């Protein structure tokens, strides 16, 4: 599955049509915070990383990100390609 296919399939779970962008943005911030908190607890408090839980939280972040991009009519593959171009300029030694 590519990112665009994921984006379209994930969209089938998006509920509501009023204030959707606000809801998606708040969800992205909230779930990103959960990822940050899990890493913080691992790095500074000696807790287990729990990769399965981290994967679930990263999946939630991906869902929100994909739906924000879809709302703006931006294919997620285009986001990834543009980011790689930016990274290639920032890090030419990486030979992306």
Protein backbone atom coordinates (compact mmCIF):
# COMPACT_ATOMS: atom_id res chain seq x y z
CA UNK A 1 0.00 0.00 0.00
CA UNK A 2 1.29 3.47 -0.80
CA UNK A 3 0.61 6.61 1.21
CA UNK A 4 -2.16 7.83 -1.10
CA UNK A 5 -4.02 4.53 -0.75
CA UNK A 6 -3.66 4.74 3.01
CA UNK A 7 -4.96 8.31 2.93
CA UNK A 8 -8.09 7.34 0.99
CA UNK A 9 -8.84 4.27 3.12
CA UNK A 10 -8.28 6.17 6.36
CA UNK A 11 -10.69 8.85 5.16
CA UNK A 12 -13.55 6.36 5.39
CA UNK A 13 -13.25 6.64 9.18
CA UNK A 14 -13.47 10.44 9.30
CA UNK A 15 -16.72 11.42 10.96
CA UNK A 16 -18.43 14.79 10.88
CA UNK A 17 -18.20 17.74 8.57
CA UNK A 18 -18.43 20.73 10.88
CA UNK A 19 -15.15 22.09 12.21
CA UNK A 20 -13.32 19.10 10.72
CA UNK A 21 -10.02 20.92 10.19
CA UNK A 22 -10.01 22.21 13.77
CA UNK A 23 -10.74 18.72 15.08
CA UNK A 24 -8.00 17.19 12.94
CA UNK A 25 -5.45 19.81 13.96
CA UNK A 26 -6.22 19.43 17.66
CA UNK A 27 -6.06 15.65 17.32
CA UNK A 28 -2.69 15.86 15.59
CA UNK A 29 -1.29 18.07 18.34
CA UNK A 30 -2.73 15.87 21.07
CA UNK A 31 -1.50 12.57 19.68
CA UNK A 32 1.89 14.06 18.81
CA UNK A 33 2.10 14.98 22.46
CA UNK A 34 1.49 11.34 23.40
CA UNK A 35 4.43 10.32 21.21
CA UNK A 36 6.59 12.99 22.81
CA UNK A 37 5.55 11.89 26.30
CA UNK A 38 6.33 8.23 25.57
CA UNK A 39 9.82 9.17 24.32
CA UNK A 40 10.38 11.48 27.31
CA UNK A 41 9.43 8.74 29.78
CA UNK A 42 11.77 6.34 28.00
CA UNK A 43 14.71 8.76 27.73
CA UNK A 44 14.50 10.43 31.12
CA UNK A 45 12.46 8.23 33.44
CA UNK A 46 13.76 4.79 32.56
CA UNK A 47 10.42 3.43 31.39
CA UNK A 48 10.15 0.82 28.66
CA UNK A 49 9.65 2.25 25.18
CA UNK A 50 6.86 -0.26 24.45
CA UNK A 51 7.23 -0.27 20.66
CA UNK A 52 3.71 -1.63 20.05
CA UNK A 53 2.16 1.28 21.94
CA UNK A 54 4.49 3.74 20.23
CA UNK A 55 3.49 2.26 16.86
CA UNK A 56 -0.19 2.77 17.72
CA UNK A 57 0.40 6.39 18.70
CA UNK A 58 2.45 7.04 15.57
CA UNK A 59 -0.40 5.52 13.56
CA UNK A 60 -2.81 7.99 15.13
CA UNK A 61 -0.47 10.85 14.20
CA UNK A 62 -0.28 9.50 10.64
CA UNK A 63 -4.08 9.32 10.46
CA UNK A 64 -4.53 12.95 11.51
CA UNK A 65 -1.74 14.13 9.21
CA UNK A 66 -3.16 12.23 6.26
CA UNK A 67 -6.62 13.67 6.78
CA UNK A 68 -5.37 17.25 7.10
CA UNK A 69 -3.50 16.80 3.82
CA UNK A 70 -6.59 15.26 2.20
CA UNK A 71 -8.74 18.15 3.42
CA UNK A 72 -6.30 20.49 1.65
CA UNK A 73 -6.40 18.26 -1.47
CA UNK A 74 -2.75 17.27 -1.05
CA UNK A 75 -1.86 13.64 -1.74
CA UNK A 76 0.26 12.22 1.06
CA UNK A 77 2.73 10.86 -1.48
CA UNK A 78 3.31 14.46 -2.59
CA UNK A 79 4.03 15.47 1.01
CA UNK A 80 6.61 12.69 1.32
CA UNK A 81 8.25 13.52 -2.03
CA UNK A 82 8.46 17.23 -1.23
CA UNK A 83 9.96 16.45 2.16
CA UNK A 84 12.62 14.25 0.58
CA UNK A 85 13.54 17.10 -1.79
CA UNK A 86 13.87 19.44 1.19
CA UNK A 87 15.99 16.89 3.06
CA UNK A 88 18.21 16.38 0.01
CA UNK A 89 18.95 20.11 -0.04
CA UNK A 90 19.63 20.25 3.70
CA UNK A 91 21.72 17.09 3.75
CA UNK A 92 23.41 16.68 0.36
CA UNK A 93 25.89 14.21 1.86
CA UNK A 94 23.01 11.78 2.42
CA UNK A 95 22.59 11.43 -1.36
CA UNK A 96 18.81 11.05 -1.26
